[in-house]
Amino acid sequence: MACNFVFAQNEQQITATLHENAKSINIQQKITFTNHSKDTLNQIYLYDWNNAYQNKNTALAKRFAEEFDKSLHFANEEQRGNTKIISLIDKNFNPLNWKRLEADDIIKVQLKSPVYPGENYILDVTYTIKLPSAEFTGYGYNKNGRIKLEYWYLSPIPYTTDWNLYSNMNLNDMYLEPSNYSIGFNYPISLHLTTNADSITEKPVDSYIQSKLYFKNAKSVKFYLEPTKTFTTIETEHVLFKTNIVPVNISEPVSFLSLDKVSRFLNTYLDNKEQIKILISESDYRKNPIYGLSQLPSFLRPFQDQFIYELKLLKTSLNNYLLEAIDADPRKDKWVFDTIETYLMMQFIEDYYPDMKMAGNFANIWGIKSFHFSQMDFNEQYQMYYMLMARKHIDQPMSMERDSLIKFNNNIANKYKAGIGLKYLDDYNEDKIGIPVISEFLNSGNTTKENFENLLVSNSKKDINWFFNDYVNSTKKIDYKITCIKENKDSLNIRVKNKMTANVPISLYTFKNKQLVNKYWLENINDTKTINIKNNGEDKFVLNYEKIIPEYNQRNNYKSTKGFLLNHKPLQVRLFQDAEDPNYNQVFFMPEFGFNLYDGLILGTKLYNKTLLTKPFLYTIRPQYGFSSKDIVGGASVQYRQFVENSNLFLINYALSGAYYHYAEGLVYKSFTPSVSFTFRPEDLRSNKRQRLNVRAVNIERQEDTLVVLENPSYTVFNARYLNYNNDILNYKSWFIDAQVGNKFSKVSFNYEYRKLYNSNRQLNIRVFGGKFIHNNTNTNYFDFALDRPTDYLFDYNYLGRSENSGLFSQQLIMAEGGFKSKLIPQYSNDWMLTTNFSTSIYRWIEAYGDLGFVKNKHMPTKFVYDSGIRLNLVTDYFELYLPVYSNNGWEISDPSYANNIRFVVTISPRALTGLFTRKWF
């Protein structure tokens, strides 16, 4: 790869021998560290990212846990990697004191003498690394005998004005200065080596291959070792590819045409003066894929194989090239890399596939082509995926350090926002400034973030300080609205309101008889601004007509002077959810099914207005039919979500909901619940901590049985609950205080849950519940605290058979109130209750559980209750089985009807189950 770097004085000499069976490498390394700063240094820090796999407490292991991935926590010793330092000396053979930082993958070396600015310091290190399994991050060995080596040797950490002590976070972003590497690498003769070395010589010696490799001004040293070689070298006019990205269902001539197309594109826009040499692999692509293309099975992919192949080549080539070519900090300043990569990906589509739609070939299929998403251009997906996070108000600044970003922002949203931001500057300047800026930047010899910003400013015809202040370095949202148009004889007064906090330019288009007349740029609109333009008879005015600017809401961008109806959007009804079309008021419907014992199989439809991008105002109507009850059932809800900027209180949700279903055989209930909730979150969005205050008035009306008189067939309960939880996969904590006031009772309760996964892989679960009536004038147990099966008078729980006292449906367990699994006497409490539930691992998902508690009823002595048994924790909170063993009832396993004592937890809600898979992204 031809790149001009500011300095290349660091030197690394490595002699290494790979022991395939032991999955280890013995290394002798001479590190020549050059102090490029103006400070005198008395210590040097070394990256040792291979040691990040050593145990369950490293920064990498904690990162995995934050994203609900327990694979590294449960890994056995054979799967783990580590580094064992044998000796660390200076050039005079003096042993140096060293220690690992808390994260375990950074080594601090105390020097015998200071390193002055511009001077070198030489370290000699002898050590052994044990390779990790590649299943964690793609680096190490896999079950097919392949080995991928990157970040496998000790590397000196650059010092600028401070040390950049970055731990391995599986972000592929080690911050390095370019160095010259001279490596002697010995590996078994049974393997084939592919590398990004500038030169390599090899010769067999006994059962090993002795290779000599040289890397000039390089940051990364990549080795791929395989029993069967999968890499091929393909030379085009402009790029030499070494790759194992295999074209699928593409002939060899067509695949070469694709390679040549990507090669010519890279040469044109990177403006490299020499041939580019680049190593790209399938594993590289999997770490940085094109989301949406790779996740679908092949028979569902809407794009031609050649198109997918070209995008895979281009994206992986750009990512690897830019990481090597740019000297900006890849953790602090990744937006620079992302801007160039995403911008050029979009440019490739404009150059070669200008008519490509987001739905690909599906855009022409009957039943799909009418959807708005099928009509959207391929490049519109970049704005949509960014807006997915902005609409949820969980977006983060582009300039934020990568280890602070939630996974979706790091992998998708921030990358896409960066690319469309440069397209925004193109449009604002009415010229493609992005192309000359990228070329000049990559060939300047100064590829720092500061120089990239300077080049953007110098190439822009207008002031673009807003771009850095309100776009790159903030999460301020963009949203403008035309509020009023006043027609004069020769002019038009147009009032535009800034509905959000970003003060950035907005484009205004004017039309006459559907023909574009003029385009204006409006600037410095802090609140409301009125502009005066010449009256050319325009009848329609549109903000951001070409949708280049990533606006929070594009539904309010239109204004017409030709009448009332033209300012109101027509209704559009669609089967299934669609992308948001700002030209219509969209209503969607989709089939739904459900089940309860009394309504039986429930089929119906859901009418709603939620698009792929969420809105502040949402409604849902569910007309359904119960095949057992032979009755129309269903529910409806409306909600308005108010997001609060720059506050821990980030969401206020106002809602009304109602339902009509059967609660017993032939008996229906109606519910109507107004509510308001306040959600709090910390500034660190990677934290799983949340707080919520919910206030509601639950109104229930139950149909009475002719044979049974209900004490309270209709009632209203005022309910307030404060919830505080940390949904951490290793240390889950949750507690709430709940207060309820009804016509004949009032009570308070407290619930605490704690789950901890220990380093021994043993899991402990503890839950404590306490409840007390303030007053209770009821004559039944309907509103009482329940020991094992709450009556659910607020109709909160997803009971399959809520009124059952026997049979399979009565065995459904809802972990609420007492939380007991055995059915004991007393079953209810009309005074107070205190219980604790605990379980702990026996083997994997098999656990032992036990429950203890005290139950107090009026005019009755306090009763001590207990039970115990085996818990099959298949999917926590979603699918569990409880097998009672011993309780107040005695040995339950000796009960002839023991099967009736087994309890189960089951969740059939698709929305709840989807959360299992999406939680790691958000």
Foldseek 3Di string as FASTA:
>chain_A
DDFFAPDAPKEKEKEWEQDLVQQKIWIKMKTKDAAQEQDKDQKWKKFQQLQLLVACQAPQNQLCLLLVHCPSLPDDRLQGKHKDWPFKAWPVRHGWDKDADRNRGMIMTGDPDIRHHGGITMMITTMMMRFHECPRQNAGAYPQSKHKDKSNDMAIFHDYPHTPDDHDHSQPFRQHWFYKYWYWYKYFPLKDKDWLFPDKDWDDDVRIITMITIHGRWDMTIIMIHSDDQWDWDDDPAEIETENLDQDPDDPVLLVVLVNLLRVLCCQQLVDPHRHYDYFYPSLCVSQDDPPQPVDPPVQHQADSSVRSSLSVNLRRLLRVCSTQANARCFQQVLVSLQLSLQSSVVSCVVPPVPAACSHNCCPDPQRVVFPSSNHRNLVVLLVLLLLCLLVVQAAALRHGLSLHFQSNNRGNSSSLSNLLLVVQCVVQVHNLVRVLSNCLSHVNHRYPVSSVVSSCVSGPDDDPLCVVVRRHGSWAFDKAFDDWDDDPFKIKTKMFTPTQRFDKKKKWFADPNHTDDIDIDGDHRGMDIDMDTCPPTFKMFICVVVSDSHSDRLRGIDGPPDDVCNAADEDEGEDAGADDSRHQYKYKYWDWDAAPALGIKIWMKIKRQHSRGDQKIKIWTFIHRPRLRDTWTKIKIKGWDADPPFQQGIKMWMWMKTWDAQAHPKIKIKIKTKIKTKGDDPRSSWQKIKMKMWMKIWMAIDDDPVDDDPPNTWIKTKIKIKIWGCGSAWTKIKMKMWIDIPFWIKIKIKIWIWHQDSVRKIKIKMKMKMFIPGGDDDDQQVFFFQWQHLPPSVPDDQSRSPDPFDDSVQETDCDGNRDLFCDPPGTAPGMKIKMKMWMDDDDQKIKIKMWIWGDHPPDDIDIWMWIFIKRCPDPQAWIKTQTAQIPVGGLVPDPVSVRSIHIYHDDDPVVVVCVVCSSRD
